[in-house]
């Protein structure tokens, strides 16, 4: 389980979002100017387990990359919140490959930590042309050098 920055276009959503929730989250993110929660992503196929609204906001803002927590279904159980949908890692992989989105809040993942957080200035997520790790080292000293660390 590791936190990294990945290009937004590499991430594959698996559920629809609510426009009002996206708008509220975008407003909060712009006000704070800091990304505070990583998107949880399946480590091999890069489909979103948790963070569909955050991904939608990143796309709307034209961010080049986002903080991502790479996870495996070996460690993360998933169930369906809706009885008419069957959910498994294999089904999620197939639907992600076909870009078939589940309705809003269909899947429920059980993560070991229930309050994952990070603190990454939006400026680090905007410019795709610079090396991410160099940018992080060059941040002012007021930002902790391990601001990518996850806190539970």
N, C-alpha and C. Protein backbone atom coordinates (compact mmCIF):
# COMPACT_ATOMS: atom_id res chain seq x y z
N UNK A 1 0.86 -1.18 0.00
CA UNK A 1 0.00 0.00 0.00
C UNK A 1 0.89 1.23 0.00
N UNK A 2 0.86 2.00 -1.11
CA UNK A 2 1.71 3.17 -1.19
C UNK A 2 1.00 4.34 -1.83
N UNK A 3 1.35 5.54 -1.38
CA UNK A 3 0.76 6.75 -1.92
C UNK A 3 1.69 7.33 -2.97
N UNK A 4 1.15 7.54 -4.17
CA UNK A 4 1.92 8.11 -5.27
C UNK A 4 1.05 9.12 -6.01
N UNK A 5 1.68 9.87 -6.89
CA UNK A 5 0.94 10.77 -7.77
C UNK A 5 0.86 10.11 -9.14
N UNK A 6 -0.36 10.01 -9.68
CA UNK A 6 -0.55 9.41 -11.00
C UNK A 6 -1.29 10.38 -11.91
N UNK A 7 -1.03 10.30 -13.21
CA UNK A 7 -1.78 11.13 -14.15
C UNK A 7 -3.27 10.82 -14.09
N UNK A 8 -4.07 11.86 -14.10
CA UNK A 8 -5.53 11.73 -14.00
C UNK A 8 -6.07 10.82 -15.09
N UNK A 9 -5.54 10.94 -16.30
CA UNK A 9 -6.09 10.17 -17.42
C UNK A 9 -5.86 8.67 -17.30
N UNK A 10 -4.98 8.23 -16.40
CA UNK A 10 -4.74 6.80 -16.22
C UNK A 10 -5.80 6.13 -15.34
N UNK A 11 -6.54 6.91 -14.56
CA UNK A 11 -7.48 6.35 -13.61
C UNK A 11 -8.83 6.07 -14.28
N UNK A 12 -9.40 4.92 -13.94
CA UNK A 12 -10.63 4.45 -14.57
C UNK A 12 -11.77 4.44 -13.54
N UNK A 13 -12.78 5.26 -13.74
CA UNK A 13 -13.91 5.25 -12.79
C UNK A 13 -14.75 3.99 -12.97
N UNK A 14 -15.45 3.60 -11.89
CA UNK A 14 -16.32 2.44 -11.94
C UNK A 14 -17.76 2.78 -11.53
N UNK A 15 -17.98 3.99 -11.01
CA UNK A 15 -19.31 4.41 -10.58
C UNK A 15 -19.62 5.81 -11.07
N UNK A 16 -20.90 6.09 -11.22
CA UNK A 16 -21.35 7.44 -11.55
C UNK A 16 -21.21 8.34 -10.33
N UNK A 17 -21.28 9.64 -10.55
CA UNK A 17 -21.18 10.61 -9.46
C UNK A 17 -22.42 11.47 -9.40
N UNK A 18 -22.55 12.22 -8.33
CA UNK A 18 -23.65 13.18 -8.15
C UNK A 18 -23.10 14.58 -8.44
N UNK A 19 -23.66 15.28 -9.43
CA UNK A 19 -23.16 16.61 -9.80
C UNK A 19 -23.09 17.60 -8.63
N UNK A 20 -24.07 17.58 -7.74
CA UNK A 20 -24.06 18.50 -6.60
C UNK A 20 -22.88 18.21 -5.66
N UNK A 21 -22.59 16.93 -5.48
CA UNK A 21 -21.47 16.56 -4.61
C UNK A 21 -20.14 16.96 -5.27
N UNK A 22 -20.05 16.80 -6.57
CA UNK A 22 -18.84 17.22 -7.30
C UNK A 22 -18.64 18.72 -7.15
N UNK A 23 -19.71 19.50 -7.32
CA UNK A 23 -19.62 20.96 -7.22
C UNK A 23 -19.19 21.39 -5.82
N UNK A 24 -19.76 20.78 -4.80
CA UNK A 24 -19.39 21.12 -3.42
C UNK A 24 -17.94 20.77 -3.12
N UNK A 25 -17.51 19.61 -3.59
CA UNK A 25 -16.14 19.19 -3.37
C UNK A 25 -15.16 20.09 -4.12
N UNK A 26 -15.52 20.49 -5.33
CA UNK A 26 -14.67 21.39 -6.11
C UNK A 26 -14.52 22.73 -5.39
N UNK A 27 -15.61 23.25 -4.88
CA UNK A 27 -15.57 24.53 -4.15
C UNK A 27 -14.66 24.42 -2.92
N UNK A 28 -14.79 23.33 -2.18
CA UNK A 28 -13.95 23.10 -0.99
C UNK A 28 -12.48 23.00 -1.37
N UNK A 29 -12.19 22.26 -2.41
CA UNK A 29 -10.80 22.08 -2.84
C UNK A 29 -10.18 23.40 -3.29
N UNK A 30 -10.92 24.18 -4.03
CA UNK A 30 -10.40 25.48 -4.47
C UNK A 30 -10.21 26.44 -3.30
N UNK A 31 -11.10 26.39 -2.33
CA UNK A 31 -10.99 27.26 -1.16
C UNK A 31 -9.75 26.90 -0.33
N UNK A 32 -9.52 25.60 -0.13
CA UNK A 32 -8.41 25.16 0.71
C UNK A 32 -7.09 25.10 -0.05
N UNK A 33 -7.14 24.92 -1.35
CA UNK A 33 -5.96 24.83 -2.23
C UNK A 33 -5.01 23.70 -1.84
N UNK A 34 -5.55 22.69 -1.17
CA UNK A 34 -4.75 21.52 -0.75
C UNK A 34 -5.61 20.28 -0.96
N UNK A 35 -5.01 19.27 -1.60
CA UNK A 35 -5.68 17.98 -1.79
C UNK A 35 -5.47 17.20 -0.50
N UNK A 36 -6.56 16.78 0.14
CA UNK A 36 -6.44 16.21 1.48
C UNK A 36 -6.78 14.72 1.61
N UNK A 37 -7.25 14.10 0.53
CA UNK A 37 -7.60 12.68 0.63
C UNK A 37 -7.25 11.98 -0.68
N UNK A 38 -6.41 10.95 -0.61
CA UNK A 38 -6.03 10.24 -1.84
C UNK A 38 -7.20 9.46 -2.43
N UNK A 39 -7.12 9.22 -3.72
CA UNK A 39 -8.07 8.35 -4.41
C UNK A 39 -7.57 6.92 -4.26
N UNK A 40 -8.43 6.03 -3.81
CA UNK A 40 -8.05 4.62 -3.64
C UNK A 40 -8.27 3.90 -4.96
N UNK A 41 -7.21 3.24 -5.44
CA UNK A 41 -7.19 2.67 -6.78
C UNK A 41 -6.66 1.24 -6.72
N UNK A 42 -7.24 0.37 -7.53
CA UNK A 42 -6.75 -1.00 -7.66
C UNK A 42 -5.36 -0.94 -8.30
N UNK A 43 -4.42 -1.63 -7.69
CA UNK A 43 -3.00 -1.46 -8.03
C UNK A 43 -2.58 -1.88 -9.43
N UNK A 44 -3.28 -2.81 -10.06
CA UNK A 44 -2.85 -3.29 -11.37
C UNK A 44 -3.57 -2.60 -12.53
N UNK A 45 -4.89 -2.52 -12.45
CA UNK A 45 -5.67 -1.98 -13.56
C UNK A 45 -6.03 -0.51 -13.38
N UNK A 46 -5.73 0.04 -12.21
CA UNK A 46 -5.92 1.46 -11.90
C UNK A 46 -7.37 1.92 -11.97
N UNK A 47 -8.31 1.02 -11.63
CA UNK A 47 -9.69 1.49 -11.55
C UNK A 47 -9.98 1.96 -10.12
N UNK A 48 -10.85 2.93 -10.02
CA UNK A 48 -11.13 3.61 -8.75
C UNK A 48 -11.97 2.72 -7.84
N UNK A 49 -11.49 2.56 -6.62
CA UNK A 49 -12.23 1.85 -5.58
C UNK A 49 -13.03 2.87 -4.75
N UNK A 50 -12.40 3.98 -4.44
CA UNK A 50 -13.03 5.05 -3.66
C UNK A 50 -12.43 6.37 -4.12
N UNK A 51 -13.29 7.35 -4.39
CA UNK A 51 -12.80 8.66 -4.80
C UNK A 51 -13.31 9.11 -6.15
N UNK A 52 -14.45 8.60 -6.57
CA UNK A 52 -15.00 8.98 -7.87
C UNK A 52 -15.29 10.47 -7.97
N UNK A 53 -15.80 11.06 -6.91
CA UNK A 53 -16.09 12.50 -6.94
C UNK A 53 -14.80 13.31 -6.99
N UNK A 54 -13.77 12.87 -6.26
CA UNK A 54 -12.48 13.55 -6.30
C UNK A 54 -11.87 13.47 -7.70
N UNK A 55 -11.98 12.32 -8.34
CA UNK A 55 -11.48 12.17 -9.71
C UNK A 55 -12.23 13.10 -10.66
N UNK A 56 -13.53 13.18 -10.51
CA UNK A 56 -14.34 14.06 -11.36
C UNK A 56 -13.92 15.52 -11.16
N UNK A 57 -13.68 15.94 -9.93
CA UNK A 57 -13.22 17.30 -9.65
C UNK A 57 -11.85 17.53 -10.29
N UNK A 58 -10.95 16.58 -10.16
CA UNK A 58 -9.61 16.72 -10.76
C UNK A 58 -9.72 16.93 -12.27
N UNK A 59 -10.60 16.19 -12.90
CA UNK A 59 -10.79 16.34 -14.35
C UNK A 59 -11.40 17.70 -14.69
N UNK A 60 -12.37 18.14 -13.91
CA UNK A 60 -13.00 19.44 -14.16
C UNK A 60 -11.99 20.58 -13.99
N UNK A 61 -11.07 20.43 -13.03
CA UNK A 61 -10.07 21.47 -12.78
C UNK A 61 -8.87 21.36 -13.73
N UNK A 62 -8.83 20.30 -14.52
CA UNK A 62 -7.72 20.11 -15.45
C UNK A 62 -6.41 19.76 -14.77
N UNK A 63 -6.50 19.09 -13.61
CA UNK A 63 -5.27 18.69 -12.92
C UNK A 63 -4.54 17.62 -13.72
N UNK A 64 -3.24 17.67 -13.69
CA UNK A 64 -2.43 16.71 -14.44
C UNK A 64 -2.33 15.37 -13.70
N UNK A 65 -2.30 15.43 -12.39
CA UNK A 65 -2.13 14.21 -11.58
C UNK A 65 -2.84 14.38 -10.24
N UNK A 66 -3.03 13.27 -9.56
CA UNK A 66 -3.69 13.26 -8.26
C UNK A 66 -2.99 12.27 -7.34
N UNK A 67 -3.12 12.47 -6.03
CA UNK A 67 -2.59 11.49 -5.09
C UNK A 67 -3.45 10.23 -5.11
N UNK A 68 -2.79 9.11 -5.20
CA UNK A 68 -3.46 7.82 -5.33
C UNK A 68 -2.87 6.85 -4.34
N UNK A 69 -3.74 6.10 -3.70
CA UNK A 69 -3.33 5.02 -2.82
C UNK A 69 -3.55 3.72 -3.59
N UNK A 70 -2.48 3.00 -3.89
CA UNK A 70 -2.57 1.74 -4.63
C UNK A 70 -2.91 0.61 -3.67
N UNK A 71 -3.99 -0.11 -3.98
CA UNK A 71 -4.48 -1.17 -3.10
C UNK A 71 -4.77 -2.44 -3.88
N UNK A 72 -4.87 -3.55 -3.16
CA UNK A 72 -5.16 -4.84 -3.78
C UNK A 72 -6.41 -5.44 -3.17
N UNK A 73 -7.17 -6.15 -3.98
CA UNK A 73 -8.35 -6.84 -3.47
C UNK A 73 -7.98 -8.02 -2.58
N UNK A 74 -6.71 -8.36 -2.51
CA UNK A 74 -6.28 -9.36 -1.53
C UNK A 74 -6.48 -8.80 -0.12
N UNK A 75 -6.41 -7.48 0.00
CA UNK A 75 -6.50 -6.82 1.30
C UNK A 75 -7.80 -6.05 1.53
N UNK A 76 -8.54 -5.78 0.47
CA UNK A 76 -9.72 -4.92 0.55
C UNK A 76 -10.97 -5.67 0.11
N UNK A 77 -11.84 -6.04 1.04
CA UNK A 77 -13.11 -6.68 0.65
C UNK A 77 -14.04 -5.67 0.00
N UNK A 78 -14.88 -6.16 -0.92
CA UNK A 78 -15.86 -5.31 -1.59
C UNK A 78 -17.18 -6.06 -1.67
N UNK A 79 -18.27 -5.32 -1.47
CA UNK A 79 -19.62 -5.88 -1.58
C UNK A 79 -20.50 -4.91 -2.36
N UNK A 80 -21.66 -5.38 -2.75
CA UNK A 80 -22.63 -4.53 -3.42
C UNK A 80 -23.59 -3.95 -2.39
N UNK A 81 -23.89 -2.67 -2.55
CA UNK A 81 -24.92 -2.04 -1.71
C UNK A 81 -26.30 -2.22 -2.32
N UNK A 82 -26.34 -2.69 -3.55
CA UNK A 82 -27.61 -2.82 -4.28
C UNK A 82 -27.78 -4.28 -4.69
N UNK A 83 -28.88 -4.86 -4.29
CA UNK A 83 -29.09 -6.30 -4.48
C UNK A 83 -29.10 -6.75 -5.93
N UNK A 84 -29.42 -5.86 -6.85
CA UNK A 84 -29.50 -6.29 -8.25
C UNK A 84 -28.13 -6.36 -8.94
N UNK A 85 -27.06 -5.95 -8.23
CA UNK A 85 -25.72 -5.99 -8.81
C UNK A 85 -24.83 -6.97 -8.04
N UNK A 86 -24.18 -7.81 -8.79
CA UNK A 86 -23.18 -8.71 -8.23
C UNK A 86 -21.82 -8.02 -8.33
N UNK A 87 -21.04 -8.08 -7.27
CA UNK A 87 -19.75 -7.39 -7.25
C UNK A 87 -18.65 -8.38 -6.88
N UNK A 88 -17.58 -8.35 -7.64
CA UNK A 88 -16.37 -9.10 -7.32
C UNK A 88 -15.21 -8.37 -8.01
N UNK A 89 -14.00 -8.72 -7.64
CA UNK A 89 -12.85 -8.11 -8.29
C UNK A 89 -12.89 -8.34 -9.80
N UNK A 90 -13.19 -9.56 -10.21
CA UNK A 90 -13.22 -9.90 -11.63
C UNK A 90 -14.29 -9.09 -12.38
N UNK A 91 -15.48 -9.00 -11.79
CA UNK A 91 -16.56 -8.23 -12.42
C UNK A 91 -16.17 -6.76 -12.51
N UNK A 92 -15.58 -6.22 -11.47
CA UNK A 92 -15.13 -4.83 -11.50
C UNK A 92 -14.09 -4.60 -12.60
N UNK A 93 -13.15 -5.53 -12.74
CA UNK A 93 -12.13 -5.43 -13.79
C UNK A 93 -12.79 -5.43 -15.17
N UNK A 94 -13.74 -6.34 -15.37
CA UNK A 94 -14.41 -6.43 -16.67
C UNK A 94 -15.20 -5.16 -16.99
N UNK A 95 -15.96 -4.69 -16.02
CA UNK A 95 -16.76 -3.48 -16.24
C UNK A 95 -15.86 -2.26 -16.46
N UNK A 96 -14.76 -2.17 -15.72
CA UNK A 96 -13.83 -1.04 -15.89
C UNK A 96 -13.24 -1.07 -17.29
N UNK A 97 -12.86 -2.25 -17.76
CA UNK A 97 -12.29 -2.36 -19.11
C UNK A 97 -13.29 -1.93 -20.18
N UNK A 98 -14.56 -2.19 -19.94
CA UNK A 98 -15.62 -1.83 -20.89
C UNK A 98 -16.18 -0.42 -20.64
N UNK A 99 -15.69 0.24 -19.60
CA UNK A 99 -16.18 1.57 -19.20
C UNK A 99 -17.67 1.56 -18.87
N UNK A 100 -18.13 0.48 -18.25
CA UNK A 100 -19.51 0.37 -17.79
C UNK A 100 -19.58 0.83 -16.34
N UNK A 101 -20.17 1.98 -16.11
CA UNK A 101 -20.24 2.53 -14.78
C UNK A 101 -21.43 1.99 -14.00
N UNK A 102 -21.17 1.64 -12.75
CA UNK A 102 -22.26 1.30 -11.84
C UNK A 102 -22.99 2.59 -11.45
N UNK A 103 -24.23 2.46 -11.00
CA UNK A 103 -24.90 3.64 -10.44
C UNK A 103 -24.14 4.15 -9.20
N UNK A 104 -24.40 5.37 -8.85
CA UNK A 104 -23.82 6.01 -7.67
C UNK A 104 -23.97 5.11 -6.43
N UNK A 105 -22.88 4.96 -5.70
CA UNK A 105 -22.84 4.22 -4.43
C UNK A 105 -23.32 2.77 -4.55
N UNK A 106 -22.86 2.07 -5.58
CA UNK A 106 -23.19 0.65 -5.71
C UNK A 106 -22.20 -0.22 -4.96
N UNK A 107 -20.92 0.10 -5.04
CA UNK A 107 -19.91 -0.72 -4.38
C UNK A 107 -19.60 -0.18 -2.99
N UNK A 108 -19.21 -1.08 -2.11
CA UNK A 108 -18.77 -0.71 -0.76
C UNK A 108 -17.49 -1.47 -0.49
N UNK A 109 -16.40 -0.70 -0.35
CA UNK A 109 -15.09 -1.28 -0.04
C UNK A 109 -14.82 -1.10 1.45
N UNK A 110 -14.15 -2.07 2.04
CA UNK A 110 -13.81 -2.02 3.47
C UNK A 110 -12.31 -1.81 3.61
N UNK A 111 -11.94 -0.56 3.88
CA UNK A 111 -10.53 -0.18 3.98
C UNK A 111 -10.05 -0.32 5.42
N UNK A 112 -8.78 -0.68 5.61
CA UNK A 112 -8.26 -0.86 6.97
C UNK A 112 -8.28 0.43 7.80
N UNK A 113 -7.98 1.56 7.17
CA UNK A 113 -8.03 2.84 7.87
C UNK A 113 -9.27 3.57 7.40
N UNK A 114 -9.97 4.21 8.32
CA UNK A 114 -11.18 4.90 7.89
C UNK A 114 -11.01 6.40 7.78
N UNK A 115 -9.80 6.92 7.96
CA UNK A 115 -9.60 8.36 7.76
C UNK A 115 -8.25 8.61 7.10
N UNK A 116 -8.07 8.10 5.89
CA UNK A 116 -6.84 8.32 5.16
C UNK A 116 -6.75 9.78 4.74
N UNK A 117 -5.58 10.36 4.88
CA UNK A 117 -5.44 11.76 4.48
C UNK A 117 -4.04 12.03 3.95
N UNK A 118 -3.92 13.13 3.24
CA UNK A 118 -2.64 13.62 2.75
C UNK A 118 -2.76 15.14 2.71
N UNK A 119 -1.69 15.81 2.40
CA UNK A 119 -1.73 17.28 2.29
C UNK A 119 -0.82 17.67 1.13
N UNK A 120 -1.42 17.85 -0.03
CA UNK A 120 -0.64 18.15 -1.22
C UNK A 120 -1.17 19.44 -1.84
N UNK A 121 -0.33 20.47 -1.92
CA UNK A 121 -0.77 21.72 -2.54
C UNK A 121 -1.22 21.49 -3.98
N UNK A 122 -2.31 22.15 -4.36
CA UNK A 122 -2.85 21.97 -5.71
C UNK A 122 -1.82 22.28 -6.79
N UNK A 123 -0.91 23.20 -6.52
CA UNK A 123 0.12 23.55 -7.50
C UNK A 123 0.96 22.36 -7.93
N UNK A 124 1.16 21.41 -7.03
CA UNK A 124 1.94 20.21 -7.37
C UNK A 124 1.17 19.28 -8.31
N UNK A 125 -0.12 19.45 -8.38
CA UNK A 125 -0.96 18.55 -9.17
C UNK A 125 -1.30 19.13 -10.54
N UNK A 126 -0.94 20.39 -10.78
CA UNK A 126 -1.37 21.05 -11.99
C UNK A 126 -0.44 20.90 -13.17
N UNK A 127 0.84 21.03 -12.99
CA UNK A 127 1.78 21.08 -14.11
C UNK A 127 2.31 19.70 -14.43
N UNK A 128 1.93 19.18 -15.58
CA UNK A 128 2.37 17.84 -15.99
C UNK A 128 3.80 17.84 -16.50
N UNK A 129 4.38 19.01 -16.74
CA UNK A 129 5.70 19.07 -17.35
C UNK A 129 6.86 18.92 -16.40
N UNK A 130 6.63 19.07 -15.10
CA UNK A 130 7.74 19.00 -14.14
C UNK A 130 7.76 17.65 -13.45
N UNK A 131 8.93 17.30 -12.95
CA UNK A 131 9.10 16.05 -12.22
C UNK A 131 8.47 16.19 -10.85
N UNK A 132 7.54 15.31 -10.52
CA UNK A 132 6.80 15.37 -9.27
C UNK A 132 7.70 15.35 -8.05
N UNK A 133 8.67 14.45 -8.03
CA UNK A 133 9.50 14.31 -6.84
C UNK A 133 10.39 15.52 -6.63
N UNK A 134 10.87 16.13 -7.70
CA UNK A 134 11.64 17.37 -7.58
C UNK A 134 10.76 18.46 -6.98
N UNK A 135 9.53 18.58 -7.45
CA UNK A 135 8.61 19.59 -6.92
C UNK A 135 8.41 19.42 -5.43
N UNK A 136 8.24 18.21 -4.99
CA UNK A 136 7.99 17.96 -3.57
C UNK A 136 9.19 18.39 -2.74
N UNK A 137 10.39 18.08 -3.19
CA UNK A 137 11.60 18.48 -2.46
C UNK A 137 11.76 19.99 -2.42
N UNK A 138 11.23 20.70 -3.41
CA UNK A 138 11.42 22.13 -3.49
C UNK A 138 10.34 22.92 -2.77
N UNK A 139 9.43 22.27 -2.07
CA UNK A 139 8.38 22.98 -1.36
C UNK A 139 8.96 23.79 -0.20
N UNK A 140 8.32 24.90 0.15
CA UNK A 140 8.77 25.69 1.28
C UNK A 140 8.81 24.86 2.55
N UNK A 141 9.65 25.25 3.49
CA UNK A 141 9.80 24.47 4.71
C UNK A 141 8.55 24.44 5.56
N UNK A 142 7.60 25.33 5.33
CA UNK A 142 6.35 25.32 6.09
C UNK A 142 5.51 24.09 5.78
N UNK A 143 5.78 23.45 4.64
CA UNK A 143 5.10 22.21 4.29
C UNK A 143 6.01 21.07 4.71
N UNK A 144 5.53 20.17 5.57
CA UNK A 144 6.38 19.07 6.02
C UNK A 144 6.93 18.28 4.83
N UNK A 145 8.21 17.87 4.88
CA UNK A 145 8.81 17.17 3.76
C UNK A 145 8.09 15.86 3.42
N UNK A 146 7.41 15.26 4.37
CA UNK A 146 6.67 14.04 4.10
C UNK A 146 5.17 14.33 4.04
N UNK A 147 4.82 15.41 3.37
CA UNK A 147 3.40 15.78 3.31
C UNK A 147 2.58 14.76 2.52
N UNK A 148 3.24 13.83 1.84
CA UNK A 148 2.53 12.78 1.15
C UNK A 148 2.19 11.62 2.07
N UNK A 149 2.65 11.69 3.30
CA UNK A 149 2.40 10.59 4.24
C UNK A 149 0.91 10.46 4.51
N UNK A 150 0.51 9.24 4.73
CA UNK A 150 -0.90 8.96 5.03
C UNK A 150 -1.05 8.95 6.54
N UNK A 151 -2.08 9.60 7.02
CA UNK A 151 -2.38 9.51 8.43
C UNK A 151 -3.70 8.79 8.61
N UNK A 152 -3.77 7.94 9.59
CA UNK A 152 -5.00 7.17 9.81
C UNK A 152 -5.73 7.71 11.02
